[in-house]
C-alpha atoms as a PDB file:
ATOM      1  CA  ASP A   1      51.429-253.052  23.163  1.00  0.00           C
ATOM      2  CA  LEU A   2      53.589-250.067  24.017  1.00  0.00           C
ATOM      3  CA  LYS A   3      51.872-247.679  26.407  1.00  0.00           C
ATOM      4  CA  ALA A   4      54.624-245.052  26.757  1.00  0.00           C
ATOM      5  CA  ASP A   5      54.415-241.659  25.081  1.00  0.00           C
ATOM      6  CA  GLN A   6      56.666-240.962  22.107  1.00  0.00           C
ATOM      7  CA  PRO A   7      59.955-239.424  23.283  1.00  0.00           C
ATOM      8  CA  SER A   8      61.391-236.162  22.041  1.00  0.00           C
ATOM      9  CA  ALA A   9      62.851-236.132  18.532  1.00  0.00           C
ATOM     10  CA  LEU A  10      66.067-234.815  20.090  1.00  0.00           C
ATOM     11  CA  ASP A  11      66.555-238.027  22.099  1.00  0.00           C
ATOM     12  CA  LEU A  12      67.609-240.179  19.143  1.00  0.00           C
ATOM     13  CA  LYS A  13      68.304-243.381  21.090  1.00  0.00           C
ATOM     14  CA  ALA A  14      64.991-243.307  22.968  1.00  0.00           C
ATOM     15  CA  LYS A  15      63.103-242.430  19.787  1.00  0.00           C
ATOM     16  CA  ALA A  16      64.679-245.361  17.905  1.00  0.00           C
ATOM     17  CA  LYS A  17      63.743-247.766  20.717  1.00  0.00           C
ATOM     18  CA  TRP A  18      60.203-246.399  20.863  1.00  0.00           C
ATOM     19  CA  GLU A  19      59.791-246.755  17.084  1.00  0.00           C
ATOM     20  CA  ALA A  20      61.090-250.337  17.186  1.00  0.00           C
ATOM     21  CA  TRP A  21      58.626-251.305  19.926  1.00  0.00           C
ATOM     22  CA  ASN A  22      55.780-249.369  18.331  1.00  0.00           C
ATOM     23  CA  GLY A  23      56.400-251.236  15.074  1.00  0.00           C
ATOM     24  CA  LYS A  24      55.368-254.453  16.827  1.00  0.00           C
ATOM     25  CA  LYS A  25      52.056-252.976  17.973  1.00  0.00           C
ATOM     26  CA  GLY A  26      49.168-255.419  17.707  1.00  0.00           C
ATOM     27  CA  MET A  27      51.365-258.529  17.546  1.00  0.00           C
ATOM     28  CA  ALA A  28      49.856-261.452  19.446  1.00  0.00           C
ATOM     29  CA  GLN A  29      51.715-262.567  22.558  1.00  0.00           C
ATOM     30  CA  ASP A  30      52.311-266.072  21.198  1.00  0.00           C
ATOM     31  CA  ALA A  31      53.621-264.704  17.894  1.00  0.00           C
ATOM     32  CA  ALA A  32      56.006-262.420  19.788  1.00  0.00           C
ATOM     33  CA  LYS A  33      57.290-265.355  21.839  1.00  0.00           C
ATOM     34  CA  GLU A  34      57.848-267.444  18.705  1.00  0.00           C
ATOM     35  CA  ALA A  35      59.714-264.585  17.018  1.00  0.00           C
ATOM     36  CA  TYR A  36      61.915-264.160  20.103  1.00  0.00           C
ATOM     37  CA  VAL A  37      62.777-267.865  20.284  1.00  0.00           C
ATOM     38  CA  SER A  38      63.526-267.956  16.564  1.00  0.00           C
ATOM     39  CA  CYS A  39      65.853-264.961  16.863  1.00  0.00           C
ATOM     40  CA  ALA A  40      67.556-266.437  19.937  1.00  0.00           C
ATOM     41  CA  ASN A  41      68.109-269.768  18.171  1.00  0.00           C
ATOM     42  CA  THR A  42      69.668-267.964  15.207  1.00  0.00           C
ATOM     43  CA  LEU A  43      72.073-266.133  17.515  1.00  0.00           C
ATOM     44  CA  VAL A  44      72.985-269.309  19.420  1.00  0.00           C
ATOM     45  CA  THR A  45      73.745-271.101  16.164  1.00  0.00           C
ATOM     46  CA  LYS A  46      75.745-268.162  14.826  1.00  0.00           C
ATOM     47  CA  TYR A  47      77.860-267.628  17.942  1.00  0.00           C
END
């Protein structure tokens, strides 16, 4: 899980990254690994 504080609303890039990571909160480690491998395989096939 993400342990960093939410960045300022004025720092749009940092806020977007924080929201993306925070959206995965509670995901099991194995599920996260499987999602990563699936995404990587899709990119390898595409490019």
